[in-house]
Every structure is written in structure tokens, then in C-alpha cells.
Amino acid sequence: MKKYLLLAGILIVLVVQLQAQNSPFDDAENLYKNGQYEKSIQKYELALIEKPKNSYIKGQIGFANLFLEKYEIAKVNFTEAIELDPSIADYYNARGLAEAYMGNVNGAISDFTKAIEKDSKFSQAYLNRGSAYSSIGDTDKSIADLKVAATLDNKNPEINFQLGRLYSNKEDYHSAIKNYNIAKKKGLNNDQLDMSLALVYFKSNEFQNAIDTYSKLLKKNPKNTDALNNRAVSYDRLGKTKLADKDRDKLFSLTGVEFKNPKDYKYERVDSKEGNFSIDLPSHWIVEKHTKDGEDKIIVTVPQKEKSSRFAAVRLTLSYNYNMQENYNVSHPEELIAFWQASQLKNTEAYNTYDLLSQKKYSVNGWSVTRFSTLSQVSPSSLILKMYELVTSKENQLFYGYFQSSAQDFEFFKPSFDKIIKSIVIERK
């Protein structure tokens, strides 16, 4: 994964007394404290002329470049600081952050580990390493590190919030709820936490608790369309149809978009253009069929996509490829999966964020399927998307599928996505 959440916090630095009235060093320190990082670097570099072997000054230049998002330069700065004084845990931790932001997750993990070896009570290093593990889908190691971080820093609610997210991904909803509530007790109070807590209540079939949490959000902001939509779905699960319809009427008045109850969907069997695979789809969804150069593809969108960017984000792509040896010189099933994964990483390398949330293997009508859950954002201003990425293969045959929506609407569409995936039948004609 290239980018992911790293809770850098406030980086601890050593206090070194350098005696000089109105020296370049003093000026650099004042500029740095005031967030004037470019100017502070200039002054630190002047200070280095007098003290070229001072690791603290090298480190401060690195921190300044880190804050300026000049990660490659910061990495060099911290490496130089480490060469001068390899005992400072902060330099390894900071270099790990630079590595992480450049996409070198393994290098970041190595540096965070070195920071921990230098200082076993360095909570931020555990937190950063846990975030790095999370970004590559190693949830168990991530949880282990965050639990240590929480023990070392029992006042930081963000640690418990991230633990809640990780436990939710593992479908350990009891632990997720526990950590989200601990985060609230420690003072974290924002809509993201409440939405996450409500969603876990929903997933654990505690629908009334989900409704109560969404209602609190709506009391603060009656125009919170995410809370309205999700509360409507929760009402549906309790059979409170009138209340669900009331929320959907409110949604329509706010957005001009009608959120149809998924329970009312009628499904029909749809064959690909060449008949190599078939699926069950809601009859009112929009289907396009394509075939070209050994690929048999179906693309599915939903009505009203022109009225809402969130509806426009809903898209299913299912692709059956049957000439892989001829087209790509790959035919063995394992090699085909590796080929798809490499292509996927290349396609997303320029994204603002791309995180693996979970991975699951199971069988769909005779094919061994791997399903990834991912969270991505193409650019800082675009919608955050949540997606199922599905892949399976047999000799010279590769089938993959993407089931995406905006992150806030994924629970609404998830039952439909799950039903569609179970219905997939692949049969080469």
C-alpha cells in the first residue's frame, strides 16, 4: 500500500544547550517553534558551519523537511543524524515516517522497530509501526503494536479509535465497541467516531443502539445524510418501515435522490455478452456489456447517478479473461493472481490513499475466490471509496470484479453486493 494513516503526533526531540546569544542556532530554534520551517532550515545550516558534527541540528533539519513534506530530503537528514549519534530513537522513528510517506512500508517498519529497540517505551513508534502493519493488511501485528502503545500512553484516544477500526475489520465487534467507547471516555468526540460506533452496532445486530447513535448525530446536524440513510437501514432491520420511509423522504428532500429499500429490489439473471459468466442483478440497475481481445466484461451502474456524485460512485465491473497466455504470456493460476495484483498496485500507485482493510477466501460456485476489502481516494478532493475487489483464476482464465460505492454508502449497498457475488457462475463457452 502506498499511503495510509500515520498518527505522527508531536515528535519528541532532544534538548541540547548550545550557548550563543542571537546565534544562527537561536534564530533557527525560534523559527522552527513558530512553524517557519523553510527559514529555520537556512539558519540551522548556518549553525552547522560552526558545528558540522552536531546530530541535533541535523535532526532538526530533518524534522523541518518532514513537516514540509520533503520526505526524500528528510530521510537523508535523519540518516546523517543517525550516523553522528545512533542512540537516538526519535531519528529512527522520524526516518520511518519519511519512508512510509514515500511508500516504502518495509523500510518504515524496519526503522520503527529500531526506534523501539532504542527506547522500549516509545509509544509513538509502536503506534506508527502498527499503522504501517495495518496498511499492508497485517491486522494482528497492527493490533499488537497499538495495544502496547495504548498501555504506554493511556491518555491518547486516537489509539483506541484505531484499535476499534482494526477490530471491526476483523469482525470482532465486541472489542471494536469497547475501544470506541474508551476513545469517547478519553475525550474523543467527533462525527467520525460516532459513525464508526453506530456502524459496528449495526454489524453486530444491535440495531437499536445503532439507531440511538445515529439519532444523536442527527440531533447535532439534522442534514447529516449519511446518518439519515444508515438509520433508515437500521429501522428496516427492526421492521420499522414507517420510520425508515420517513428518513428516506427526508433524504429525498435534502438530496433530490431516492434511496430505494434494498429489500424491495427484484433481481434478474444477466449473461455476459459472450455467455462466459452470469450474475443476478437488481432489475432497475443499468447494465453495459463489452467484449474485446479475449475479455468478456459487464459494467453496472445505478439509476440517478447524474443527480448525485455518491450514486455516480456506485459501479460494478466484472471481467472474464480467457486468452491470458496469448495476450500476456501468463497462464498458471497462481501467476495469474500475481499478475492481477501487480496490475492493481500499478493502477493505484498515484492515488491519494489506498488501504487494504481485510482479505477473505471462499468458494463461489466451484471457483476459489479471494475477496479484498479496500478503502481508497483518488485525489484529496474526491470521494472516499470503499470496495470489494474479487479475483479468481484457472488455467489460462482470470476473473476479477470490483464492487464499489462511496465509503459512507457501502453498508447500504453491501447486502446487494454480497448477493450478487454469491450468484456468480463462470462457465467458458
Protein backbone atom coordinates (compact mmCIF):
# COMPACT_ATOMS: atom_id res chain seq x y z
CA MET A 1 0.00 0.00 0.00
CA LYS A 2 1.30 3.43 -0.80
CA LYS A 3 -0.38 5.72 1.63
CA TYR A 4 -2.13 5.17 4.89
CA LEU A 5 -2.92 6.71 8.20
CA LEU A 6 0.17 7.54 10.32
CA LEU A 7 -0.51 9.28 13.59
CA ALA A 8 2.79 11.14 13.80
CA GLY A 9 1.76 13.28 16.75
CA ILE A 10 4.33 15.58 18.24
CA LEU A 11 7.82 14.30 17.59
CA ILE A 12 9.99 14.27 20.70
CA VAL A 13 13.38 15.86 20.25
CA LEU A 14 16.38 16.10 22.49
CA VAL A 15 17.10 19.37 24.17
CA VAL A 16 20.67 20.36 23.59
CA GLN A 17 22.06 23.52 25.13
CA LEU A 18 24.07 25.50 22.61
CA GLN A 19 25.36 28.68 24.13
CA ALA A 20 25.33 31.63 21.76
CA GLN A 21 23.41 34.89 22.04
CA ASN A 22 21.46 35.73 18.87
CA SER A 23 23.30 32.95 17.03
CA PRO A 24 22.00 31.30 13.84
CA PHE A 25 21.08 28.34 16.05
CA ASP A 26 18.91 30.51 18.34
CA ASP A 27 17.22 32.07 15.33
CA ALA A 28 16.65 28.61 13.82
CA GLU A 29 15.07 27.32 17.03
CA ASN A 30 12.67 30.26 17.23
CA LEU A 31 11.70 29.96 13.57
CA TYR A 32 11.15 26.21 13.96
CA LYS A 33 8.94 26.69 17.04
CA ASN A 34 6.83 29.20 15.08
CA GLY A 35 6.38 26.78 12.17
CA GLN A 36 8.59 28.72 9.76
CA TYR A 37 10.36 25.60 8.62
CA GLU A 38 11.95 26.85 5.37
CA LYS A 39 13.60 29.75 7.16
CA SER A 40 14.61 27.59 10.10
CA ILE A 41 16.45 25.21 7.75
CA GLN A 42 18.50 28.11 6.39
CA LYS A 43 19.54 29.13 9.91
CA TYR A 44 20.23 25.53 11.00
CA GLU A 45 22.52 25.12 8.00
CA LEU A 46 24.45 28.23 9.07
CA ALA A 47 24.73 26.74 12.56
CA LEU A 48 26.16 23.56 11.04
CA ILE A 49 29.11 25.53 9.68
CA GLU A 50 30.25 26.05 13.28
CA LYS A 51 29.18 22.60 14.49
CA PRO A 52 29.22 20.20 11.49
CA LYS A 53 29.14 17.09 13.72
CA ASN A 54 26.07 18.14 15.74
CA SER A 55 23.41 15.40 15.37
CA TYR A 56 20.70 17.56 16.94
CA ILE A 57 20.97 20.21 14.23
CA LYS A 58 20.93 17.51 11.52
CA GLY A 59 17.85 16.05 13.14
CA GLN A 60 16.06 19.39 13.36
CA ILE A 61 16.65 19.98 9.66
CA GLY A 62 15.15 16.53 9.07
CA PHE A 63 12.08 17.34 11.16
CA ALA A 64 11.61 20.63 9.32
CA ASN A 65 11.77 18.86 5.95
CA LEU A 66 9.38 16.21 7.25
CA PHE A 67 6.83 18.90 8.13
CA LEU A 68 7.39 20.45 4.67
CA GLU A 69 6.63 17.01 3.17
CA LYS A 70 10.09 16.83 1.59
CA TYR A 71 10.39 13.19 2.52
CA GLU A 72 13.42 12.14 0.47
CA ILE A 73 15.48 15.03 1.82
CA ALA A 74 14.24 14.33 5.36
CA LYS A 75 15.30 10.70 5.03
CA VAL A 76 18.84 11.82 4.11
CA ASN A 77 18.88 14.29 7.04
CA PHE A 78 17.88 11.63 9.56
CA THR A 79 20.38 9.15 8.14
CA GLU A 80 23.12 11.73 8.67
CA ALA A 81 21.88 12.40 12.21
CA ILE A 82 21.91 8.66 12.97
CA GLU A 83 25.45 8.33 11.65
CA LEU A 84 26.50 11.05 14.10
CA ASP A 85 24.55 9.60 17.04
CA PRO A 86 22.94 6.16 16.50
CA SER A 87 21.49 6.11 20.03
CA ILE A 88 18.56 8.49 19.39
CA ALA A 89 15.26 6.64 18.93
CA ASP A 90 13.47 9.73 17.57
CA TYR A 91 15.68 9.80 14.46
CA TYR A 92 14.78 6.22 13.51
CA ASN A 93 11.10 6.90 14.15
CA ALA A 94 11.17 10.06 12.04
CA ARG A 95 13.09 8.37 9.22
CA GLY A 96 10.44 5.64 9.35
CA LEU A 97 7.76 8.28 8.80
CA ALA A 98 9.66 9.61 5.79
CA GLU A 99 9.97 6.07 4.41
CA ALA A 100 6.28 5.44 4.96
CA TYR A 101 5.17 8.60 3.19
CA MET A 102 7.39 7.64 0.24
CA GLY A 103 5.64 4.26 0.08
CA ASN A 104 8.46 2.10 1.44
CA VAL A 105 6.41 0.32 4.10
CA ASN A 106 9.01 -2.36 4.85
CA GLY A 107 11.70 0.27 5.31
CA ALA A 108 9.38 2.20 7.60
CA ILE A 109 8.65 -0.88 9.71
CA SER A 110 12.40 -1.57 9.98
CA ASP A 111 13.07 1.96 11.26
CA PHE A 112 10.13 1.94 13.70
CA THR A 113 11.47 -1.36 15.04
CA LYS A 114 14.92 0.17 15.52
CA ALA A 115 13.32 3.10 17.38
CA ILE A 116 11.60 0.62 19.70
CA GLU A 117 14.87 -1.23 20.24
CA LYS A 118 16.47 2.04 21.33
CA ASP A 119 13.53 3.00 23.56
CA SER A 120 11.12 0.23 24.54
CA LYS A 121 8.67 2.79 25.99
CA PHE A 122 8.42 4.87 22.80
CA SER A 123 4.63 4.76 22.36
CA GLN A 124 4.64 6.79 19.12
CA ALA A 125 6.96 4.28 17.45
CA TYR A 126 4.60 1.44 18.36
CA LEU A 127 1.70 3.48 17.03
CA ASN A 128 3.49 4.26 13.77
CA ARG A 129 4.61 0.65 13.28
CA GLY A 130 1.07 -0.54 13.99
CA SER A 131 -0.25 1.86 11.34
CA ALA A 132 2.33 0.54 8.89
CA TYR A 133 1.32 -3.05 9.55
CA SER A 134 -2.31 -2.06 9.06
CA SER A 135 -1.52 -0.52 5.67
CA ILE A 136 -0.25 -3.88 4.35
CA GLY A 137 -3.14 -5.85 5.83
CA ASP A 138 -1.29 -7.39 8.80
CA THR A 139 -4.09 -6.66 11.24
CA ASP A 140 -2.87 -8.93 14.05
CA LYS A 141 0.56 -7.28 14.25
CA SER A 142 -1.06 -3.88 13.98
CA ILE A 143 -3.38 -4.61 16.91
CA ALA A 144 -0.48 -5.97 18.99
CA ASP A 145 1.51 -2.76 18.48
CA LEU A 146 -1.43 -0.47 19.16
CA LYS A 147 -2.23 -2.33 22.37
CA VAL A 148 1.33 -1.68 23.58
CA ALA A 149 1.01 1.97 22.52
CA ALA A 150 -2.24 2.26 24.49
CA THR A 151 -0.54 0.86 27.59
CA LEU A 152 2.37 3.29 27.29
CA ASP A 153 0.15 6.28 26.51
CA ASN A 154 -3.19 5.74 28.25
CA LYS A 155 -4.44 9.27 27.56
CA ASN A 156 -4.40 9.18 23.76
CA PRO A 157 -7.93 8.41 22.48
CA GLU A 158 -6.77 8.09 18.86
CA ILE A 159 -5.04 4.81 19.72
CA ASN A 160 -8.32 3.29 20.92
CA PHE A 161 -10.14 4.70 17.91
CA GLN A 162 -7.69 2.93 15.59
CA LEU A 163 -7.97 -0.26 17.63
CA GLY A 164 -11.73 -0.06 17.21
CA ARG A 165 -11.34 0.24 13.46
CA LEU A 166 -8.99 -2.74 13.31
CA TYR A 167 -11.19 -4.95 15.46
CA SER A 168 -14.15 -4.00 13.28
CA ASN A 169 -12.20 -5.15 10.20
CA LYS A 170 -11.58 -8.48 11.98
CA GLU A 171 -15.32 -8.67 12.73
CA ASP A 172 -14.55 -8.67 16.47
CA TYR A 173 -17.36 -6.24 17.10
CA HIS A 174 -17.37 -6.59 20.89
CA SER A 175 -13.73 -5.40 21.07
CA ALA A 176 -14.43 -2.69 18.49
CA ILE A 177 -17.33 -1.29 20.54
CA LYS A 178 -15.23 -1.46 23.70
CA ASN A 179 -12.37 0.56 22.17
CA TYR A 180 -14.62 3.12 20.50
CA ASN A 181 -16.29 3.76 23.87
CA ILE A 182 -12.89 4.03 25.59
CA ALA A 183 -11.92 6.64 22.98
CA LYS A 184 -15.08 8.59 23.86
CA LYS A 185 -14.30 8.40 27.59
CA LYS A 186 -10.80 9.74 26.89
CA GLY A 187 -12.30 12.79 25.24
CA LEU A 188 -12.54 11.99 21.53
CA ASN A 189 -15.83 13.44 20.37
CA ASN A 190 -16.42 13.73 16.65
CA ASP A 191 -18.81 12.52 13.98
CA GLN A 192 -16.32 10.03 12.56
CA LEU A 193 -16.15 8.19 15.88
CA ASP A 194 -19.93 8.17 16.30
CA MET A 195 -20.47 6.97 12.73
CA SER A 196 -17.92 4.19 13.25
CA LEU A 197 -19.53 3.16 16.54
CA ALA A 198 -23.02 3.15 15.01
CA LEU A 199 -21.79 1.03 12.10
CA VAL A 200 -20.30 -1.57 14.45
CA TYR A 201 -23.55 -1.67 16.41
CA PHE A 202 -25.32 -2.32 13.11
CA LYS A 203 -22.89 -5.07 12.08
CA SER A 204 -23.32 -6.79 15.45
CA ASN A 205 -27.12 -6.68 15.02
CA GLU A 206 -27.54 -4.13 17.84
CA PHE A 207 -29.87 -2.13 15.64
CA GLN A 208 -31.47 -0.07 18.39
CA ASN A 209 -28.05 1.06 19.64
CA ALA A 210 -27.15 1.96 16.06
CA ILE A 211 -30.38 3.98 15.75
CA ASP A 212 -29.73 5.77 19.04
CA THR A 213 -26.21 6.72 17.94
CA TYR A 214 -27.38 7.94 14.52
CA SER A 215 -30.14 9.92 16.27
CA LYS A 216 -27.54 11.72 18.42
CA LEU A 217 -25.66 12.65 15.26
CA LEU A 218 -28.85 13.92 13.64
CA LYS A 219 -29.67 15.98 16.73
CA LYS A 220 -26.37 17.81 16.19
CA ASN A 221 -26.87 18.03 12.43
CA PRO A 222 -30.34 17.23 11.00
CA LYS A 223 -28.87 17.39 7.48
CA ASN A 224 -26.38 14.57 8.05
CA THR A 225 -27.41 12.46 5.06
CA ASP A 226 -25.11 9.58 5.98
CA ALA A 227 -26.72 9.23 9.40
CA LEU A 228 -30.21 9.52 7.87
CA ASN A 229 -29.52 6.84 5.28
CA ASN A 230 -27.93 4.44 7.78
CA ARG A 231 -30.66 5.00 10.35
CA ALA A 232 -33.24 4.16 7.70
CA VAL A 233 -31.46 0.86 7.00
CA SER A 234 -31.36 0.15 10.75
CA TYR A 235 -35.08 0.83 11.05
CA ASP A 236 -35.62 -1.62 8.17
CA ARG A 237 -33.81 -4.34 10.11
CA LEU A 238 -36.17 -3.84 13.06
CA GLY A 239 -39.21 -3.89 10.78
CA LYS A 240 -39.99 -0.23 11.49
CA THR A 241 -40.90 0.53 7.89
CA LYS A 242 -42.73 3.80 8.53
CA LEU A 243 -39.76 5.30 10.35
CA ALA A 244 -37.40 4.08 7.61
CA ASP A 245 -39.61 5.64 4.93
CA LYS A 246 -39.75 8.89 6.91
CA ASP A 247 -35.93 9.07 6.91
CA ARG A 248 -35.83 8.30 3.18
CA ASP A 249 -38.38 11.04 2.49
CA LYS A 250 -36.12 13.44 4.41
CA LEU A 251 -33.15 12.22 2.35
CA PHE A 252 -35.04 12.90 -0.87
CA SER A 253 -35.93 16.42 0.28
CA LEU A 254 -32.23 17.11 1.06
CA THR A 255 -30.60 15.44 -1.95
CA GLY A 256 -33.24 15.02 -4.64
CA VAL A 257 -32.16 11.37 -4.78
CA GLU A 258 -34.42 8.47 -3.88
CA PHE A 259 -32.81 5.79 -1.72
CA LYS A 260 -34.79 2.68 -2.54
CA ASN A 261 -35.01 0.00 0.17
CA PRO A 262 -32.70 -2.88 -0.93
CA LYS A 263 -35.26 -5.35 0.42
CA ASP A 264 -37.59 -4.20 -2.35
CA TYR A 265 -35.09 -4.95 -5.14
CA LYS A 266 -36.16 -7.51 -7.72
CA TYR A 267 -33.32 -9.49 -9.28
CA GLU A 268 -32.93 -10.93 -12.76
CA ARG A 269 -30.34 -13.22 -14.33
CA VAL A 270 -27.89 -11.44 -16.63
CA ASP A 271 -25.46 -13.19 -19.00
CA SER A 272 -22.22 -11.63 -20.21
CA LYS A 273 -22.07 -10.75 -23.90
CA GLU A 274 -20.27 -13.97 -24.86
CA GLY A 275 -22.04 -16.01 -22.20
CA ASN A 276 -18.88 -16.90 -20.27
CA PHE A 277 -20.39 -15.89 -16.94
CA SER A 278 -23.71 -14.82 -15.46
CA ILE A 279 -24.94 -12.98 -12.37
CA ASP A 280 -28.12 -11.91 -10.59
CA LEU A 281 -28.59 -8.12 -10.68
CA PRO A 282 -31.30 -5.73 -9.44
CA SER A 283 -33.62 -5.31 -12.41
CA HIS A 284 -33.56 -1.49 -12.23
CA TRP A 285 -29.75 -1.20 -12.34
CA ILE A 286 -28.06 -0.20 -15.59
CA VAL A 287 -26.03 -2.88 -17.43
CA GLU A 288 -23.42 -2.49 -20.15
CA LYS A 289 -21.84 -5.50 -21.89
CA HIS A 290 -18.49 -5.40 -23.65
CA THR A 291 -16.15 -7.88 -25.32
CA LYS A 292 -12.70 -7.31 -26.80
CA ASP A 293 -9.41 -9.21 -27.23
CA GLY A 294 -10.27 -12.17 -25.05
CA GLU A 295 -12.14 -10.17 -22.40
CA ASP A 296 -15.86 -10.60 -21.65
CA LYS A 297 -16.99 -7.73 -19.40
CA ILE A 298 -20.09 -6.41 -17.63
CA ILE A 299 -20.23 -2.88 -16.16
CA VAL A 300 -23.10 -1.99 -13.84
CA THR A 301 -24.20 1.42 -12.55
CA VAL A 302 -27.28 2.62 -10.67
CA PRO A 303 -30.13 4.98 -11.58
CA GLN A 304 -29.97 8.67 -10.63
CA LYS A 305 -26.21 8.71 -10.99
CA GLU A 306 -26.48 12.07 -12.75
CA LYS A 307 -28.19 13.56 -9.66
CA SER A 308 -25.64 12.58 -7.04
CA SER A 309 -21.88 12.10 -7.03
CA ARG A 310 -22.40 9.40 -4.40
CA PHE A 311 -24.69 7.44 -6.72
CA ALA A 312 -22.26 8.05 -9.57
CA ALA A 313 -19.60 6.36 -7.41
CA VAL A 314 -21.56 3.09 -7.35
CA ARG A 315 -20.05 0.86 -10.01
CA LEU A 316 -19.60 -2.85 -10.59
CA THR A 317 -17.03 -4.17 -13.04
CA LEU A 318 -16.86 -7.90 -13.75
CA SER A 319 -14.30 -9.17 -16.22
CA TYR A 320 -13.63 -12.69 -17.56
CA ASN A 321 -10.32 -13.05 -19.45
CA TYR A 322 -9.71 -16.27 -21.37
CA ASN A 323 -6.64 -15.67 -23.55
CA MET A 324 -4.12 -14.75 -20.86
CA GLN A 325 -1.28 -16.80 -22.32
CA GLU A 326 -1.70 -15.29 -25.75
CA ASN A 327 -2.25 -11.71 -24.54
CA TYR A 328 0.06 -11.50 -21.51
CA ASN A 329 2.22 -14.66 -21.58
CA VAL A 330 0.74 -15.80 -18.25
CA SER A 331 -1.38 -18.91 -17.78
CA HIS A 332 -0.73 -20.66 -14.44
CA PRO A 333 -3.46 -19.84 -11.86
CA GLU A 334 -1.05 -18.54 -9.19
CA GLU A 335 0.86 -16.46 -11.74
CA LEU A 336 -2.43 -15.03 -12.97
CA ILE A 337 -3.35 -13.85 -9.47
CA ALA A 338 0.11 -12.29 -9.04
CA PHE A 339 -0.28 -10.62 -12.45
CA TRP A 340 -3.64 -9.13 -11.39
CA GLN A 341 -2.23 -7.92 -8.05
CA ALA A 342 0.73 -6.24 -9.74
CA SER A 343 -1.62 -4.54 -12.21
CA GLN A 344 -3.85 -3.36 -9.39
CA LEU A 345 -0.95 -1.84 -7.45
CA LYS A 346 0.27 -0.08 -10.59
CA ASN A 347 -3.20 1.29 -11.30
CA THR A 348 -3.50 2.75 -7.79
CA GLU A 349 0.07 3.96 -7.19
CA ALA A 350 -0.89 7.60 -7.90
CA TYR A 351 -3.94 7.52 -5.60
CA ASN A 352 -4.05 9.85 -2.61
CA THR A 353 -4.80 6.83 -0.39
CA TYR A 354 -5.24 3.12 -0.98
CA ASP A 355 -5.67 0.90 2.11
CA LEU A 356 -6.31 -2.81 2.44
CA LEU A 357 -8.93 -3.34 5.16
CA SER A 358 -9.40 -7.10 5.08
CA GLN A 359 -8.94 -10.24 2.99
CA LYS A 360 -11.13 -13.33 2.76
CA LYS A 361 -11.03 -16.59 0.81
CA TYR A 362 -14.03 -18.73 -0.04
CA SER A 363 -15.64 -20.69 -2.87
CA VAL A 364 -18.14 -19.31 -5.37
CA ASN A 365 -19.81 -21.97 -7.50
CA GLY A 366 -16.69 -24.09 -7.93
CA TRP A 367 -14.12 -21.29 -8.13
CA SER A 368 -11.74 -20.47 -5.26
CA VAL A 369 -12.16 -16.72 -4.74
CA THR A 370 -10.09 -14.16 -2.83
CA ARG A 371 -12.01 -11.05 -1.82
CA PHE A 372 -10.22 -7.90 -0.65
CA SER A 373 -11.95 -5.02 1.10
CA THR A 374 -10.22 -1.71 0.33
CA LEU A 375 -10.60 1.99 1.06
CA SER A 376 -9.26 4.45 -1.49
CA GLN A 377 -9.29 8.06 -2.59
CA VAL A 378 -8.02 9.08 -6.00
CA SER A 379 -7.30 12.71 -5.04
CA PRO A 380 -7.63 14.77 -1.84
CA SER A 381 -10.83 16.38 -3.16
CA SER A 382 -12.54 13.20 -4.43
CA LEU A 383 -14.93 10.89 -2.64
CA ILE A 384 -13.51 8.18 -0.40
CA LEU A 385 -14.47 4.84 -1.95
CA LYS A 386 -14.97 1.50 -0.27
CA MET A 387 -14.71 -1.56 -2.48
CA TYR A 388 -14.81 -5.30 -2.73
CA GLU A 389 -12.05 -6.50 -5.08
CA LEU A 390 -12.66 -10.06 -6.19
CA VAL A 391 -10.23 -12.31 -8.07
CA THR A 392 -10.10 -15.96 -9.09
CA SER A 393 -8.32 -17.98 -11.76
CA LYS A 394 -7.95 -21.30 -13.50
CA GLU A 395 -5.53 -22.35 -16.22
CA ASN A 396 -5.36 -19.50 -18.77
CA GLN A 397 -8.50 -17.94 -17.25
CA LEU A 398 -8.67 -14.88 -14.99
CA PHE A 399 -11.87 -13.47 -13.50
CA TYR A 400 -11.98 -10.33 -11.39
CA GLY A 401 -14.64 -7.98 -10.12
CA TYR A 402 -14.89 -4.59 -8.44
CA PHE A 403 -17.90 -3.65 -6.31
CA GLN A 404 -17.57 -0.04 -5.20
CA SER A 405 -19.52 2.81 -3.63
CA SER A 406 -18.71 5.87 -1.58
CA ALA A 407 -17.47 4.77 1.85
CA GLN A 408 -20.48 6.27 3.62
CA ASP A 409 -22.93 4.33 1.42
CA PHE A 410 -21.17 0.96 1.42
CA GLU A 411 -23.33 -0.59 4.17
CA PHE A 412 -26.40 0.42 2.18
CA PHE A 413 -25.20 -1.43 -0.94
CA LYS A 414 -23.31 -4.23 0.81
CA PRO A 415 -26.29 -6.68 1.02
CA SER A 416 -26.78 -6.30 -2.74
CA PHE A 417 -23.06 -6.73 -3.44
CA ASP A 418 -22.96 -9.87 -1.29
CA LYS A 419 -25.99 -11.33 -3.06
CA ILE A 420 -24.53 -10.60 -6.48
CA ILE A 421 -21.17 -12.19 -5.61
CA LYS A 422 -22.85 -15.38 -4.40
CA SER A 423 -24.75 -15.60 -7.69
CA ILE A 424 -21.68 -15.50 -9.98
CA VAL A 425 -21.41 -18.52 -12.27
CA ILE A 426 -18.35 -18.75 -14.54
CA GLU A 427 -18.57 -21.22 -17.42
CA ARG A 428 -16.39 -20.87 -20.51
CA LYS A 429 -18.44 -21.13 -23.69
